[in-house]
Amino acid sequence: MVTENKAVIVRSGEDRHAAPLNFLNGRFDCKIAGNDTGGALCAYDTFRFKPGGPPLHVHFEQDEWFQVLEGTFRFQVGDQTYELGAGDSILGPRGIPHAFRNLTETARMMVTFFPAGSMEAFFASQMVDPTSQAFRDLSLKHGMQVVGPPLPP
């Protein structure tokens, strides 16, 4: 349910709130905010500027869906590892540990959370060191638990 009862248009290269976020190894443009959908989902167009990704983590109440738009990514979902390229997608179900790593110098991927939860607030924190205790604490505050390191090169 769209809370404003109107279309939500976000142009290419723009952020829903006119405030793109720099997080981990890239820029995150919010395309659909949680308050646009009554909390049902939020979605980010992410631009990766160097190889890397988040630590292995689990969401307690959210599914996370990824669609690779450019570049190549390695994903781990549970005990399985996958390599995905442009046009491929993968679901990281709630309760299942997952992580990804950008394998190319630059890449782009849509990331969608169902439901939105407090992911926008998490990304707005702009934590940069995914191996820090502060990152682990912030993750727990927003319904996630870090359960392992980032994926290796």
C-alpha atoms as a PDB file:
ATOM      1  CA  MET A   1       0.000   0.000   0.000  1.00  0.00           C
ATOM      2  CA  VAL A   2       1.466   3.327  -1.054  1.00  0.00           C
ATOM      3  CA  THR A   3       0.916   5.687   1.863  1.00  0.00           C
ATOM      4  CA  GLU A   4       0.654   8.831  -0.296  1.00  0.00           C
ATOM      5  CA  ASN A   5      -1.710   7.238  -2.878  1.00  0.00           C
ATOM      6  CA  LYS A   6       0.336   8.535  -5.793  1.00  0.00           C
ATOM      7  CA  ALA A   7       3.117   7.359  -8.066  1.00  0.00           C
ATOM      8  CA  VAL A   8       6.663   7.508  -6.751  1.00  0.00           C
ATOM      9  CA  ILE A   9       9.120   8.536  -9.460  1.00  0.00           C
ATOM     10  CA  VAL A  10      12.856   8.613  -8.841  1.00  0.00           C
ATOM     11  CA  ARG A  11      14.967   9.424 -11.884  1.00  0.00           C
ATOM     12  CA  SER A  12      18.127   7.597 -12.878  1.00  0.00           C
ATOM     13  CA  GLY A  13      21.096   8.728 -10.787  1.00  0.00           C
ATOM     14  CA  GLU A  14      18.835  10.299  -8.159  1.00  0.00           C
ATOM     15  CA  ASP A  15      17.920   9.344  -4.599  1.00  0.00           C
ATOM     16  CA  ARG A  16      14.329   9.246  -3.283  1.00  0.00           C
ATOM     17  CA  HIS A  17      15.253  11.712  -0.537  1.00  0.00           C
ATOM     18  CA  ALA A  18      17.757  13.745  -2.623  1.00  0.00           C
ATOM     19  CA  ALA A  19      20.440  12.478  -0.230  1.00  0.00           C
ATOM     20  CA  PRO A  20      22.385   9.480  -1.616  1.00  0.00           C
ATOM     21  CA  LEU A  21      24.379   7.596   0.996  1.00  0.00           C
ATOM     22  CA  ASN A  22      27.999   6.519   0.905  1.00  0.00           C
ATOM     23  CA  PHE A  23      28.157   3.166   2.655  1.00  0.00           C
ATOM     24  CA  LEU A  24      30.737   0.377   2.697  1.00  0.00           C
ATOM     25  CA  ASN A  25      32.302   0.417  -0.781  1.00  0.00           C
ATOM     26  CA  GLY A  26      29.783   2.473  -2.719  1.00  0.00           C
ATOM     27  CA  ARG A  27      26.884   4.862  -3.113  1.00  0.00           C
ATOM     28  CA  PHE A  28      23.318   3.898  -2.196  1.00  0.00           C
ATOM     29  CA  ASP A  29      20.406   5.665  -3.906  1.00  0.00           C
ATOM     30  CA  CYS A  30      17.067   4.936  -2.249  1.00  0.00           C
ATOM     31  CA  LYS A  31      14.505   4.252  -4.983  1.00  0.00           C
ATOM     32  CA  ILE A  32      11.527   3.147  -2.862  1.00  0.00           C
ATOM     33  CA  ALA A  33      11.300   4.144   0.781  1.00  0.00           C
ATOM     34  CA  GLY A  34       9.579   2.173   3.505  1.00  0.00           C
ATOM     35  CA  ASN A  35       7.045   4.951   4.012  1.00  0.00           C
ATOM     36  CA  ASP A  36       6.158   4.757   0.287  1.00  0.00           C
ATOM     37  CA  THR A  37       4.919   1.180   0.805  1.00  0.00           C
ATOM     38  CA  GLY A  38       3.488   1.216   4.307  1.00  0.00           C
ATOM     39  CA  GLY A  39       6.690  -0.534   5.422  1.00  0.00           C
ATOM     40  CA  ALA A  40       6.294  -3.429   2.970  1.00  0.00           C
ATOM     41  CA  LEU A  41       9.684  -2.842   1.309  1.00  0.00           C
ATOM     42  CA  CYS A  42      12.508  -0.460   0.545  1.00  0.00           C
ATOM     43  CA  ALA A  43      14.873  -0.639  -2.412  1.00  0.00           C
ATOM     44  CA  TYR A  44      18.315   0.759  -3.177  1.00  0.00           C
ATOM     45  CA  ASP A  45      20.248   1.162  -6.407  1.00  0.00           C
ATOM     46  CA  THR A  46      23.830   0.610  -5.267  1.00  0.00           C
ATOM     47  CA  PHE A  47      26.946   1.676  -7.134  1.00  0.00           C
ATOM     48  CA  ARG A  48      30.113  -0.161  -6.085  1.00  0.00           C
ATOM     49  CA  PHE A  49      33.416   1.661  -6.600  1.00  0.00           C
ATOM     50  CA  LYS A  50      35.802  -1.091  -5.571  1.00  0.00           C
ATOM     51  CA  PRO A  51      35.744  -4.801  -4.709  1.00  0.00           C
ATOM     52  CA  GLY A  52      34.287  -5.797  -1.343  1.00  0.00           C
ATOM     53  CA  GLY A  53      31.025  -6.217   0.513  1.00  0.00           C
ATOM     54  CA  PRO A  54      29.386  -6.609   3.906  1.00  0.00           C
ATOM     55  CA  PRO A  55      30.210  -9.275   6.468  1.00  0.00           C
ATOM     56  CA  LEU A  56      28.222 -12.503   6.616  1.00  0.00           C
ATOM     57  CA  HIS A  57      24.996 -11.552   8.384  1.00  0.00           C
ATOM     58  CA  VAL A  58      21.458 -12.687   9.068  1.00  0.00           C
ATOM     59  CA  HIS A  59      18.251 -10.635   9.080  1.00  0.00           C
ATOM     60  CA  PHE A  60      15.770 -11.693  11.757  1.00  0.00           C
ATOM     61  CA  GLU A  61      12.600 -10.438  10.039  1.00  0.00           C
ATOM     62  CA  GLN A  62      13.510  -9.455   6.470  1.00  0.00           C
ATOM     63  CA  ASP A  63      14.198 -11.108   3.155  1.00  0.00           C
ATOM     64  CA  GLU A  64      16.874  -9.409   1.029  1.00  0.00           C
ATOM     65  CA  TRP A  65      16.646  -9.634  -2.765  1.00  0.00           C
ATOM     66  CA  PHE A  66      19.558  -8.695  -5.014  1.00  0.00           C
ATOM     67  CA  GLN A  67      19.590  -8.034  -8.757  1.00  0.00           C
ATOM     68  CA  VAL A  68      22.971  -7.512 -10.406  1.00  0.00           C
ATOM     69  CA  LEU A  69      22.827  -4.727 -12.990  1.00  0.00           C
ATOM     70  CA  GLU A  70      26.534  -4.405 -13.862  1.00  0.00           C
ATOM     71  CA  GLY A  71      29.696  -6.251 -12.919  1.00  0.00           C
ATOM     72  CA  THR A  72      30.161  -9.580 -11.154  1.00  0.00           C
ATOM     73  CA  PHE A  73      29.354 -10.513  -7.557  1.00  0.00           C
ATOM     74  CA  ARG A  74      29.999 -13.566  -5.410  1.00  0.00           C
ATOM     75  CA  PHE A  75      27.185 -14.424  -2.996  1.00  0.00           C
ATOM     76  CA  GLN A  76      27.008 -16.781  -0.077  1.00  0.00           C
ATOM     77  CA  VAL A  77      23.542 -17.835   1.060  1.00  0.00           C
ATOM     78  CA  GLY A  78      23.634 -20.426   3.805  1.00  0.00           C
ATOM     79  CA  ASP A  79      26.469 -22.823   2.951  1.00  0.00           C
ATOM     80  CA  GLN A  80      26.258 -22.286  -0.824  1.00  0.00           C
ATOM     81  CA  THR A  81      28.340 -19.862  -2.906  1.00  0.00           C
ATOM     82  CA  TYR A  82      27.201 -18.403  -6.239  1.00  0.00           C
ATOM     83  CA  GLU A  83      28.729 -16.085  -8.829  1.00  0.00           C
ATOM     84  CA  LEU A  84      26.253 -13.718 -10.506  1.00  0.00           C
ATOM     85  CA  GLY A  85      26.545 -11.284 -13.400  1.00  0.00           C
ATOM     86  CA  ALA A  86      24.385  -8.627 -15.010  1.00  0.00           C
ATOM     87  CA  GLY A  87      20.725  -9.671 -15.122  1.00  0.00           C
ATOM     88  CA  ASP A  88      21.052 -12.363 -12.438  1.00  0.00           C
ATOM     89  CA  SER A  89      19.224 -12.182  -9.114  1.00  0.00           C
ATOM     90  CA  ILE A  90      19.295 -14.030  -5.808  1.00  0.00           C
ATOM     91  CA  LEU A  91      17.218 -14.049  -2.614  1.00  0.00           C
ATOM     92  CA  GLY A  92      18.776 -14.004   0.837  1.00  0.00           C
ATOM     93  CA  PRO A  93      15.875 -15.306   2.971  1.00  0.00           C
ATOM     94  CA  ARG A  94      15.387 -14.050   6.507  1.00  0.00           C
ATOM     95  CA  GLY A  95      17.029 -16.252   9.098  1.00  0.00           C
ATOM     96  CA  ILE A  96      19.647 -17.543   6.624  1.00  0.00           C
ATOM     97  CA  PRO A  97      23.201 -16.100   6.792  1.00  0.00           C
ATOM     98  CA  HIS A  98      24.213 -14.328   3.606  1.00  0.00           C
ATOM     99  CA  ALA A  99      26.834 -11.956   2.208  1.00  0.00           C
ATOM    100  CA  PHE A 100      28.152 -10.767  -1.123  1.00  0.00           C
ATOM    101  CA  ARG A 101      31.345  -9.404  -2.591  1.00  0.00           C
ATOM    102  CA  ASN A 102      31.771  -7.201  -5.625  1.00  0.00           C
ATOM    103  CA  LEU A 103      34.453  -8.912  -7.723  1.00  0.00           C
ATOM    104  CA  THR A 104      34.939  -6.135 -10.276  1.00  0.00           C
ATOM    105  CA  GLU A 105      36.399  -2.666  -9.930  1.00  0.00           C
ATOM    106  CA  THR A 106      32.995  -1.067 -10.468  1.00  0.00           C
ATOM    107  CA  ALA A 107      29.569  -2.669 -10.324  1.00  0.00           C
ATOM    108  CA  ARG A 108      25.907  -1.896  -9.733  1.00  0.00           C
ATOM    109  CA  MET A 109      23.170  -3.839  -7.973  1.00  0.00           C
ATOM    110  CA  MET A 110      19.585  -3.296  -6.808  1.00  0.00           C
ATOM    111  CA  VAL A 111      19.011  -4.394  -3.211  1.00  0.00           C
ATOM    112  CA  THR A 112      15.445  -4.743  -1.895  1.00  0.00           C
ATOM    113  CA  PHE A 113      14.350  -5.485   1.676  1.00  0.00           C
ATOM    114  CA  PHE A 114      10.974  -7.126   2.484  1.00  0.00           C
ATOM    115  CA  PRO A 115       9.680  -5.657   4.795  1.00  0.00           C
ATOM    116  CA  ALA A 116      11.553  -2.352   4.959  1.00  0.00           C
ATOM    117  CA  GLY A 117      12.176  -2.524   8.699  1.00  0.00           C
ATOM    118  CA  SER A 118      14.698   0.104   9.746  1.00  0.00           C
ATOM    119  CA  MET A 119      17.140  -0.431   6.871  1.00  0.00           C
ATOM    120  CA  GLU A 120      16.998   3.215   5.806  1.00  0.00           C
ATOM    121  CA  ALA A 121      18.101   4.302   9.283  1.00  0.00           C
ATOM    122  CA  PHE A 122      20.836   1.635   9.234  1.00  0.00           C
ATOM    123  CA  PHE A 123      22.260   2.892   5.932  1.00  0.00           C
ATOM    124  CA  ALA A 124      21.909   6.537   7.006  1.00  0.00           C
ATOM    125  CA  SER A 125      24.342   5.818   9.855  1.00  0.00           C
ATOM    126  CA  GLN A 126      27.073   5.614   7.182  1.00  0.00           C
ATOM    127  CA  MET A 127      29.221   3.181   9.172  1.00  0.00           C
ATOM    128  CA  VAL A 128      32.325   2.439   7.144  1.00  0.00           C
ATOM    129  CA  ASP A 129      34.184  -0.338   8.995  1.00  0.00           C
ATOM    130  CA  PRO A 130      32.135  -3.537   8.662  1.00  0.00           C
ATOM    131  CA  THR A 131      34.559  -5.395  10.950  1.00  0.00           C
ATOM    132  CA  SER A 132      34.114  -3.069  13.951  1.00  0.00           C
ATOM    133  CA  GLN A 133      32.146  -3.727  17.116  1.00  0.00           C
ATOM    134  CA  ALA A 134      30.220  -0.515  16.394  1.00  0.00           C
ATOM    135  CA  PHE A 135      29.030  -2.064  13.092  1.00  0.00           C
ATOM    136  CA  ARG A 136      27.949  -5.234  14.917  1.00  0.00           C
ATOM    137  CA  ASP A 137      26.057  -3.187  17.516  1.00  0.00           C
ATOM    138  CA  LEU A 138      24.389  -1.057  14.852  1.00  0.00           C
ATOM    139  CA  SER A 139      23.377  -4.197  12.945  1.00  0.00           C
ATOM    140  CA  LEU A 140      21.699  -5.680  16.041  1.00  0.00           C
ATOM    141  CA  LYS A 141      19.851  -2.416  16.629  1.00  0.00           C
ATOM    142  CA  HIS A 142      18.385  -2.760  13.116  1.00  0.00           C
ATOM    143  CA  GLY A 143      17.380  -6.439  13.199  1.00  0.00           C
ATOM    144  CA  MET A 144      20.538  -8.094  11.860  1.00  0.00           C
ATOM    145  CA  GLN A 145      23.375 -10.062  13.353  1.00  0.00           C
ATOM    146  CA  VAL A 146      26.889 -10.257  11.938  1.00  0.00           C
ATOM    147  CA  VAL A 147      27.825 -13.955  12.008  1.00  0.00           C
ATOM    148  CA  GLY A 148      31.086 -13.971  10.041  1.00  0.00           C
ATOM    149  CA  PRO A 149      33.632 -11.911   8.150  1.00  0.00           C
ATOM    150  CA  PRO A 150      33.208 -10.392   4.675  1.00  0.00           C
ATOM    151  CA  LEU A 151      33.676 -12.863   1.818  1.00  0.00           C
ATOM    152  CA  PRO A 152      37.325 -13.269   0.735  1.00  0.00           C
ATOM    153  CA  PRO A 153      38.631 -12.053  -2.641  1.00  0.00           C
END
